[in-house]
Amino acid sequence: PGVTVLRIGNVLGCDSLMGSVRPGEPMILTP
């Protein structure tokens, strides 16, 4: 079969940033 490697970036909601968002819990962003 043909083969393709997918170099995937960030999928929103599956990433460490948005996946950590919780109501009422402030997020800390690295400047």
Full PDB file with SEQRES, HELIX, SHEET, SSBOND, CRYST1, ORIGX, SCALE, CONECT and MASTER records, all heavy atoms in Angstrom:
SEQRES   1 A   31  PRO GLY VAL THR VAL LEU ARG ILE GLY ASN VAL LEU GLY          
SEQRES   2 A   31  CYS ASP SER LEU MET GLY SER VAL ARG PRO GLY GLU PRO          
SEQRES   3 A   31  MET ILE LEU THR PRO                                          
HELIX    1 AA1 MET A   18  SER A   20  5                                   3    
CRYST1    1.000    1.000    1.000  90.00  90.00  90.00 P 1           1          
ORIGX1      1.000000  0.000000  0.000000        0.00000                         
ORIGX2      0.000000  1.000000  0.000000        0.00000                         
ORIGX3      0.000000  0.000000  1.000000        0.00000                         
SCALE1      1.000000  0.000000  0.000000        0.00000                         
SCALE2      0.000000  1.000000  0.000000        0.00000                         
SCALE3      0.000000  0.000000  1.000000        0.00000                         
ATOM      1  N   PRO A   1       0.826  -1.208   0.000  1.00  0.00           N  
ATOM      2  CA  PRO A   1       0.000   0.000   0.000  1.00  0.00           C  
ATOM      3  C   PRO A   1       0.858   1.255   0.000  1.00  0.00           C  
ATOM      4  O   PRO A   1       2.024   1.240   0.404  1.00  0.00           O  
ATOM      5  CB  PRO A   1      -0.794  -0.126   1.310  1.00  0.00           C  
ATOM      6  CG  PRO A   1       0.048  -0.998   2.180  1.00  0.00           C  
ATOM      7  CD  PRO A   1       0.721  -1.965   1.258  1.00  0.00           C  
ATOM      8  N   GLY A   2       0.284   2.349  -0.479  1.00  0.00           N  
ATOM      9  CA  GLY A   2       0.938   3.634  -0.319  1.00  0.00           C  
ATOM     10  C   GLY A   2       0.987   4.008   1.156  1.00  0.00           C  
ATOM     11  O   GLY A   2       0.160   3.559   1.950  1.00  0.00           O  
ATOM     12  N   VAL A   3       1.946   4.818   1.526  1.00  0.00           N  
ATOM     13  CA  VAL A   3       2.107   5.228   2.921  1.00  0.00           C  
ATOM     14  C   VAL A   3       2.364   6.723   2.977  1.00  0.00           C  
ATOM     15  O   VAL A   3       3.207   7.240   2.232  1.00  0.00           O  
ATOM     16  CB  VAL A   3       3.266   4.475   3.605  1.00  0.00           C  
ATOM     17  CG1 VAL A   3       3.482   5.004   5.023  1.00  0.00           C  
ATOM     18  CG2 VAL A   3       2.991   2.980   3.640  1.00  0.00           C  
ATOM     19  N   THR A   4       1.635   7.407   3.848  1.00  0.00           N  
ATOM     20  CA  THR A   4       1.835   8.833   4.092  1.00  0.00           C  
ATOM     21  C   THR A   4       1.961   9.076   5.585  1.00  0.00           C  
ATOM     22  O   THR A   4       1.093   8.659   6.363  1.00  0.00           O  
ATOM     23  CB  THR A   4       0.670   9.669   3.546  1.00  0.00           C  
ATOM     24  OG1 THR A   4       0.550   9.485   2.132  1.00  0.00           O  
ATOM     25  CG2 THR A   4       0.881  11.155   3.830  1.00  0.00           C  
ATOM     26  N   VAL A   5       3.039   9.739   5.976  1.00  0.00           N  
ATOM     27  CA  VAL A   5       3.230  10.165   7.359  1.00  0.00           C  
ATOM     28  C   VAL A   5       2.594  11.540   7.517  1.00  0.00           C  
ATOM     29  O   VAL A   5       2.889  12.461   6.745  1.00  0.00           O  
ATOM     30  CB  VAL A   5       4.728  10.217   7.712  1.00  0.00           C  
ATOM     31  CG1 VAL A   5       4.946  10.938   9.029  1.00  0.00           C  
ATOM     32  CG2 VAL A   5       5.306   8.809   7.780  1.00  0.00           C  
ATOM     33  N   LEU A   6       1.726  11.688   8.502  1.00  0.00           N  
ATOM     34  CA  LEU A   6       1.038  12.952   8.766  1.00  0.00           C  
ATOM     35  C   LEU A   6       1.707  13.648   9.946  1.00  0.00           C  
ATOM     36  O   LEU A   6       1.633  13.168  11.085  1.00  0.00           O  
ATOM     37  CB  LEU A   6      -0.435  12.699   9.088  1.00  0.00           C  
ATOM     38  CG  LEU A   6      -1.239  11.923   8.046  1.00  0.00           C  
ATOM     39  CD1 LEU A   6      -2.655  11.672   8.552  1.00  0.00           C  
ATOM     40  CD2 LEU A   6      -1.257  12.644   6.703  1.00  0.00           C  
ATOM     41  N   ARG A   7       2.365  14.757   9.681  1.00  0.00           N  
ATOM     42  CA  ARG A   7       2.964  15.552  10.749  1.00  0.00           C  
ATOM     43  C   ARG A   7       1.920  16.558  11.221  1.00  0.00           C  
ATOM     44  O   ARG A   7       1.731  17.625  10.629  1.00  0.00           O  
ATOM     45  CB  ARG A   7       4.239  16.230  10.259  1.00  0.00           C  
ATOM     46  CG  ARG A   7       5.360  15.219   9.993  1.00  0.00           C  
ATOM     47  CD  ARG A   7       6.613  15.885   9.453  1.00  0.00           C  
ATOM     48  NE  ARG A   7       7.699  14.901   9.347  1.00  0.00           N  
ATOM     49  CZ  ARG A   7       8.857  15.140   8.736  1.00  0.00           C  
ATOM     50  NH1 ARG A   7       9.085  16.319   8.174  1.00  0.00           N  
ATOM     51  NH2 ARG A   7       9.796  14.202   8.681  1.00  0.00           N  
ATOM     52  N   ILE A   8       1.242  16.187  12.298  1.00  0.00           N  
ATOM     53  CA  ILE A   8       0.055  16.908  12.764  1.00  0.00           C  
ATOM     54  C   ILE A   8       0.466  18.009  13.737  1.00  0.00           C  
ATOM     55  O   ILE A   8       1.250  17.782  14.655  1.00  0.00           O  
ATOM     56  CB  ILE A   8      -0.923  15.928  13.425  1.00  0.00           C  
ATOM     57  CG1 ILE A   8      -1.325  14.839  12.425  1.00  0.00           C  
ATOM     58  CG2 ILE A   8      -2.165  16.658  13.925  1.00  0.00           C  
ATOM     59  CD1 ILE A   8      -2.088  13.678  13.055  1.00  0.00           C  
ATOM     60  N   GLY A   9      -0.082  19.202  13.523  1.00  0.00           N  
ATOM     61  CA  GLY A   9       0.107  20.299  14.460  1.00  0.00           C  
ATOM     62  C   GLY A   9      -0.814  20.144  15.653  1.00  0.00           C  
ATOM     63  O   GLY A   9      -1.080  19.032  16.113  1.00  0.00           O  
ATOM     64  N   ASN A  10      -1.348  21.237  16.145  1.00  0.00           N  
ATOM     65  CA  ASN A  10      -2.237  21.209  17.304  1.00  0.00           C  
ATOM     66  C   ASN A  10      -3.690  21.139  16.863  1.00  0.00           C  
ATOM     67  O   ASN A  10      -4.140  21.983  16.068  1.00  0.00           O  
ATOM     68  CB  ASN A  10      -2.028  22.463  18.159  1.00  0.00           C  
ATOM     69  CG  ASN A  10      -0.650  22.507  18.789  1.00  0.00           C  
ATOM     70  OD1 ASN A  10      -0.378  21.825  19.756  1.00  0.00           O  
ATOM     71  ND2 ASN A  10       0.233  23.327  18.219  1.00  0.00           N  
ATOM     72  N   VAL A  11      -4.404  20.161  17.346  1.00  0.00           N  
ATOM     73  CA  VAL A  11      -5.842  20.055  17.108  1.00  0.00           C  
ATOM     74  C   VAL A  11      -6.538  20.620  18.347  1.00  0.00           C  
ATOM     75  O   VAL A  11      -6.353  20.115  19.460  1.00  0.00           O  
ATOM     76  CB  VAL A  11      -6.267  18.600  16.864  1.00  0.00           C  
ATOM     77  CG1 VAL A  11      -7.777  18.513  16.647  1.00  0.00           C  
ATOM     78  CG2 VAL A  11      -5.514  18.026  15.666  1.00  0.00           C  
ATOM     79  N   LEU A  12      -7.305  21.678  18.164  1.00  0.00           N  
ATOM     80  CA  LEU A  12      -7.892  22.379  19.305  1.00  0.00           C  
ATOM     81  C   LEU A  12      -8.747  21.439  20.149  1.00  0.00           C  
ATOM     82  O   LEU A  12      -9.592  20.721  19.628  1.00  0.00           O  
ATOM     83  CB  LEU A  12      -8.739  23.553  18.833  1.00  0.00           C  
ATOM     84  CG  LEU A  12      -9.075  24.538  19.956  1.00  0.00           C  
ATOM     85  CD1 LEU A  12      -7.913  25.483  20.185  1.00  0.00           C  
ATOM     86  CD2 LEU A  12     -10.339  25.321  19.656  1.00  0.00           C  
ATOM     87  N   GLY A  13      -8.506  21.452  21.427  1.00  0.00           N  
ATOM     88  CA  GLY A  13      -9.221  20.588  22.366  1.00  0.00           C  
ATOM     89  C   GLY A  13      -8.462  19.324  22.681  1.00  0.00           C  
ATOM     90  O   GLY A  13      -8.685  18.718  23.728  1.00  0.00           O  
ATOM     91  N   CYS A  14      -7.565  18.913  21.760  1.00  0.00           N  
ATOM     92  CA  CYS A  14      -6.711  17.753  22.008  1.00  0.00           C  
ATOM     93  C   CYS A  14      -5.329  18.179  22.470  1.00  0.00           C  
ATOM     94  O   CYS A  14      -4.478  17.331  22.734  1.00  0.00           O  
ATOM     95  CB  CYS A  14      -6.588  16.909  20.734  1.00  0.00           C  
ATOM     96  SG  CYS A  14      -8.145  16.299  20.088  1.00  0.00           S  
ATOM     97  N   ASP A  15      -5.114  19.468  22.547  1.00  0.00           N  
ATOM     98  CA  ASP A  15      -3.812  20.028  22.893  1.00  0.00           C  
ATOM     99  C   ASP A  15      -3.723  20.300  24.384  1.00  0.00           C  
ATOM    100  O   ASP A  15      -4.715  20.307  25.100  1.00  0.00           O  
ATOM    101  CB  ASP A  15      -3.585  21.327  22.124  1.00  0.00           C  
ATOM    102  CG  ASP A  15      -4.645  22.370  22.465  1.00  0.00           C  
ATOM    103  OD1 ASP A  15      -5.842  22.050  22.358  1.00  0.00           O  
ATOM    104  OD2 ASP A  15      -4.285  23.481  22.878  1.00  0.00           O  
ATOM    105  N   SER A  16      -2.516  20.554  24.857  1.00  0.00           N  
ATOM    106  CA  SER A  16      -2.320  20.774  26.288  1.00  0.00           C  
ATOM    107  C   SER A  16      -2.871  22.117  26.745  1.00  0.00           C  
ATOM    108  O   SER A  16      -3.240  22.271  27.914  1.00  0.00           O  
ATOM    109  CB  SER A  16      -0.825  20.692  26.626  1.00  0.00           C  
ATOM    110  OG  SER A  16      -0.084  21.641  25.888  1.00  0.00           O  
ATOM    111  N   LEU A  17      -2.966  23.097  25.841  1.00  0.00           N  
ATOM    112  CA  LEU A  17      -3.486  24.413  26.232  1.00  0.00           C  
ATOM    113  C   LEU A  17      -4.993  24.376  26.433  1.00  0.00           C  
ATOM    114  O   LEU A  17      -5.495  24.525  27.544  1.00  0.00           O  
ATOM    115  CB  LEU A  17      -3.127  25.450  25.174  1.00  0.00           C  
ATOM    116  CG  LEU A  17      -3.663  26.870  25.445  1.00  0.00           C  
ATOM    117  CD1 LEU A  17      -2.895  27.524  26.575  1.00  0.00           C  
ATOM    118  CD2 LEU A  17      -3.595  27.727  24.179  1.00  0.00           C  
ATOM    119  N   MET A  18      -5.736  24.156  25.362  1.00  0.00           N  
ATOM    120  CA  MET A  18      -7.191  24.214  25.460  1.00  0.00           C  
ATOM    121  C   MET A  18      -7.734  23.030  26.245  1.00  0.00           C  
ATOM    122  O   MET A  18      -8.783  23.134  26.890  1.00  0.00           O  
ATOM    123  CB  MET A  18      -7.801  24.254  24.059  1.00  0.00           C  
ATOM    124  CG  MET A  18      -9.193  24.860  24.005  1.00  0.00           C  
ATOM    125  SD  MET A  18      -9.296  26.549  24.666  1.00  0.00           S  
ATOM    126  CE  MET A  18      -8.102  27.393  23.652  1.00  0.00           C  
ATOM    127  N   GLY A  19      -7.019  21.927  26.230  1.00  0.00           N  
ATOM    128  CA  GLY A  19      -7.472  20.783  27.014  1.00  0.00           C  
ATOM    129  C   GLY A  19      -7.384  21.014  28.512  1.00  0.00           C  
ATOM    130  O   GLY A  19      -7.959  20.249  29.288  1.00  0.00           O  
ATOM    131  N   SER A  20      -6.673  22.079  28.906  1.00  0.00           N  
ATOM    132  CA  SER A  20      -6.540  22.390  30.339  1.00  0.00           C  
ATOM    133  C   SER A  20      -7.498  23.470  30.803  1.00  0.00           C  
ATOM    134  O   SER A  20      -7.524  23.788  31.998  1.00  0.00           O  
ATOM    135  CB  SER A  20      -5.100  22.832  30.632  1.00  0.00           C  
ATOM    136  OG  SER A  20      -4.174  21.828  30.299  1.00  0.00           O  
ATOM    137  N   VAL A  21      -8.263  24.071  29.891  1.00  0.00           N  
ATOM    138  CA  VAL A  21      -9.179  25.145  30.273  1.00  0.00           C  
ATOM    139  C   VAL A  21     -10.318  24.593  31.109  1.00  0.00           C  
ATOM    140  O   VAL A  21     -11.000  23.645  30.715  1.00  0.00           O  
ATOM    141  CB  VAL A  21      -9.724  25.859  29.015  1.00  0.00           C  
ATOM    142  CG1 VAL A  21     -10.849  26.819  29.390  1.00  0.00           C  
ATOM    143  CG2 VAL A  21      -8.604  26.593  28.294  1.00  0.00           C  
ATOM    144  N   ARG A  22     -10.515  25.179  32.289  1.00  0.00           N  
ATOM    145  CA  ARG A  22     -11.604  24.792  33.175  1.00  0.00           C  
ATOM    146  C   ARG A  22     -12.327  26.050  33.632  1.00  0.00           C  
ATOM    147  O   ARG A  22     -11.675  27.053  33.959  1.00  0.00           O  
ATOM    148  CB  ARG A  22     -11.077  24.044  34.406  1.00  0.00           C  
ATOM    149  CG  ARG A  22     -10.316  22.764  34.094  1.00  0.00           C  
ATOM    150  CD  ARG A  22     -11.235  21.661  33.608  1.00  0.00           C  
ATOM    151  NE  ARG A  22     -10.505  20.416  33.406  1.00  0.00           N  
ATOM    152  CZ  ARG A  22      -9.885  20.095  32.286  1.00  0.00           C  
ATOM    153  NH1 ARG A  22      -9.887  20.930  31.261  1.00  0.00           N  
ATOM    154  NH2 ARG A  22      -9.241  18.937  32.181  1.00  0.00           N  
ATOM    155  N   PRO A  23     -13.659  26.036  33.679  1.00  0.00           N  
ATOM    156  CA  PRO A  23     -14.400  27.225  34.123  1.00  0.00           C  
ATOM    157  C   PRO A  23     -13.942  27.662  35.512  1.00  0.00           C  
ATOM    158  O   PRO A  23     -13.849  26.853  36.431  1.00  0.00           O  
ATOM    159  CB  PRO A  23     -15.852  26.750  34.134  1.00  0.00           C  
ATOM    160  CG  PRO A  23     -15.893  25.608  33.173  1.00  0.00           C  
ATOM    161  CD  PRO A  23     -14.565  24.933  33.298  1.00  0.00           C  
ATOM    162  N   GLY A  24     -13.673  28.948  35.657  1.00  0.00           N  
ATOM    163  CA  GLY A  24     -13.298  29.488  36.951  1.00  0.00           C  
ATOM    164  C   GLY A  24     -11.863  29.252  37.363  1.00  0.00           C  
ATOM    165  O   GLY A  24     -11.460  29.677  38.458  1.00  0.00           O  
ATOM    166  N   GLU A  25     -11.086  28.562  36.525  1.00  0.00           N  
ATOM    167  CA  GLU A  25      -9.684  28.308  36.846  1.00  0.00           C  
ATOM    168  C   GLU A  25      -8.804  29.112  35.900  1.00  0.00           C  
ATOM    169  O   GLU A  25      -8.723  28.803  34.706  1.00  0.00           O  
ATOM    170  CB  GLU A  25      -9.358  26.812  36.720  1.00  0.00           C  
ATOM    171  CG  GLU A  25     -10.117  25.922  37.690  1.00  0.00           C  
ATOM    172  CD  GLU A  25      -9.718  24.464  37.554  1.00  0.00           C  
ATOM    173  OE1 GLU A  25      -8.683  24.193  36.903  1.00  0.00           O  
ATOM    174  OE2 GLU A  25     -10.441  23.607  38.077  1.00  0.00           O  
ATOM    175  N   PRO A  26      -8.147  30.164  36.401  1.00  0.00           N  
ATOM    176  CA  PRO A  26      -7.314  30.999  35.538  1.00  0.00           C  
ATOM    177  C   PRO A  26      -6.175  30.191  34.912  1.00  0.00           C  
ATOM    178  O   PRO A  26      -5.592  29.316  35.545  1.00  0.00           O  
ATOM    179  CB  PRO A  26      -6.777  32.075  36.496  1.00  0.00           C  
ATOM    180  CG  PRO A  26      -7.739  32.081  37.643  1.00  0.00           C  
ATOM    181  CD  PRO A  26      -8.209  30.667  37.775  1.00  0.00           C  
ATOM    182  N   MET A  27      -5.862  30.497  33.663  1.00  0.00           N  
ATOM    183  CA  MET A  27      -4.776  29.858  32.941  1.00  0.00           C  
ATOM    184  C   MET A  27      -3.537  30.735  33.006  1.00  0.00           C  
ATOM    185  O   MET A  27      -3.630  31.956  32.988  1.00  0.00           O  
ATOM    186  CB  MET A  27      -5.165  29.635  31.479  1.00  0.00           C  
ATOM    187  CG  MET A  27      -6.300  28.654  31.278  1.00  0.00           C  
ATOM    188  SD  MET A  27      -5.769  26.949  31.547  1.00  0.00           S  
ATOM    189  CE  MET A  27      -4.619  26.741  30.193  1.00  0.00           C  
ATOM    190  N   ILE A  28      -2.388  30.108  33.088  1.00  0.00           N  
ATOM    191  CA  ILE A  28      -1.111  30.811  33.088  1.00  0.00           C  
ATOM    192  C   ILE A  28      -0.432  30.560  31.748  1.00  0.00           C  
ATOM    193  O   ILE A  28      -0.219  29.408  31.351  1.00  0.00           O  
ATOM    194  CB  ILE A  28      -0.201  30.347  34.238  1.00  0.00           C  
ATOM    195  CG1 ILE A  28      -0.915  30.525  35.581  1.00  0.00           C  
ATOM    196  CG2 ILE A  28       1.113  31.107  34.216  1.00  0.00           C  
ATOM    197  CD1 ILE A  28      -1.291  31.961  35.901  1.00  0.00           C  
ATOM    198  N   LEU A  29      -0.103  31.634  31.038  1.00  0.00           N  
ATOM    199  CA  LEU A  29       0.494  31.537  29.715  1.00  0.00           C  
ATOM    200  C   LEU A  29       1.953  31.985  29.785  1.00  0.00           C  
ATOM    201  O   LEU A  29       2.269  33.029  30.363  1.00  0.00           O  
ATOM    202  CB  LEU A  29      -0.269  32.418  28.729  1.00  0.00           C  
ATOM    203  CG  LEU A  29       0.118  32.323  27.250  1.00  0.00           C  
ATOM    204  CD1 LEU A  29      -0.131  30.921  26.713  1.00  0.00           C  
ATOM    205  CD2 LEU A  29      -0.671  33.351  26.434  1.00  0.00           C  
ATOM    206  N   THR A  30       2.822  31.188  29.200  1.00  0.00           N  
ATOM    207  CA  THR A  30       4.238  31.537  29.163  1.00  0.00           C  
ATOM    208  C   THR A  30       4.452  32.705  28.209  1.00  0.00           C  
ATOM    209  O   THR A  30       4.037  32.638  27.042  1.00  0.00           O  
ATOM    210  CB  THR A  30       5.086  30.349  28.694  1.00  0.00           C  
ATOM    211  OG1 THR A  30       4.879  29.246  29.570  1.00  0.00           O  
ATOM    212  CG2 THR A  30       6.562  30.708  28.686  1.00  0.00           C  
ATOM    213  N   PRO A  31       5.059  33.787  28.661  1.00  0.00           N  
ATOM    214  CA  PRO A  31       5.278  34.935  27.767  1.00  0.00           C  
ATOM    215  C   PRO A  31       6.435  34.697  26.807  1.00  0.00           C  
ATOM    216  O   PRO A  31       7.319  33.877  27.057  1.00  0.00           O  
ATOM    217  CB  PRO A  31       5.600  36.069  28.739  1.00  0.00           C  
ATOM    218  CG  PRO A  31       6.241  35.375  29.909  1.00  0.00           C  
ATOM    219  CD  PRO A  31       5.556  34.039  30.025  1.00  0.00           C  
TER     220      PRO A  31                                                      
MASTER        0    0    0    1    0    0    0    6  219    1    0    3          
END                                                                             
